[in-house]
């Protein structure tokens, strides 16, 4: 699973595809959830990147 971090929140998706102008986010049925232009995308992270366990990220 992935998390698209946007200026006003975040979206979760199962997969994504990059294009010339942005990223297409898909659910587990490969249905399009959203198109996010690159200028609105702050980060695209895996769930592993957001799990901190016993360590904290500052």
Protein backbone atom coordinates (compact mmCIF):
# COMPACT_ATOMS: atom_id res chain seq x y z
CA UNK A 1 0.00 0.00 0.00
CA UNK A 2 1.11 3.55 -0.74
CA UNK A 3 0.32 6.97 0.71
CA UNK A 4 0.22 10.06 -1.46
CA UNK A 5 0.95 13.07 0.73
CA UNK A 6 -0.81 16.21 -0.47
CA UNK A 7 -0.80 19.78 0.88
CA UNK A 8 -4.26 19.30 2.43
CA UNK A 9 -4.17 15.60 3.41
CA UNK A 10 -3.27 12.18 2.13
CA UNK A 11 -4.69 9.40 -0.03
CA UNK A 12 -4.07 5.67 0.30
CA UNK A 13 -3.75 3.49 -2.77
CA UNK A 14 -2.70 -0.02 -3.71
CA UNK A 15 -0.73 0.94 -6.81
CA UNK A 16 0.18 3.96 -8.92
CA UNK A 17 1.37 4.93 -12.38
CA UNK A 18 3.46 7.94 -13.22
CA UNK A 19 2.81 10.11 -16.25
CA UNK A 20 4.12 13.28 -17.82
CA UNK A 21 1.99 15.58 -15.65
CA UNK A 22 1.21 13.60 -12.50
CA UNK A 23 0.47 10.32 -10.78
CA UNK A 24 -2.60 8.09 -11.18
CA UNK A 25 -3.57 6.31 -7.96
CA UNK A 26 -5.40 2.94 -8.09
CA UNK A 27 -7.24 0.74 -5.58
CA UNK A 28 -6.75 -3.04 -5.25
CA UNK A 29 -9.25 -3.64 -8.10
CA UNK A 30 -7.10 -1.43 -10.38
CA UNK A 31 -9.82 1.23 -10.47
CA UNK A 32 -8.65 4.82 -10.69
CA UNK A 33 -8.98 6.63 -7.36
CA UNK A 34 -7.42 9.95 -8.28
CA UNK A 35 -5.07 11.82 -10.56
CA UNK A 36 -2.60 13.99 -8.65
CA UNK A 37 -0.57 16.60 -10.57
CA UNK A 38 3.11 16.62 -9.60
CA UNK A 39 2.85 20.19 -8.30
CA UNK A 40 0.31 18.97 -5.69
CA UNK A 41 2.22 15.84 -4.67
CA UNK A 42 4.51 16.34 -1.68
CA UNK A 43 5.51 12.66 -1.31
CA UNK A 44 4.55 9.13 -2.33
CA UNK A 45 5.46 6.67 0.42
CA UNK A 46 5.10 2.97 1.12
CA UNK A 47 3.47 1.89 4.37
CA UNK A 48 6.89 0.68 5.54
CA UNK A 49 8.19 4.24 5.26
CA UNK A 50 5.49 5.52 7.62
CA UNK A 51 5.88 2.77 10.25
CA UNK A 52 8.19 4.01 12.97
CA UNK A 53 8.03 1.12 15.44
CA UNK A 54 9.97 2.06 18.58
CA UNK A 55 11.88 4.82 16.83
CA UNK A 56 10.54 8.31 16.30
CA UNK A 57 11.05 10.37 13.20
CA UNK A 58 11.62 14.09 13.56
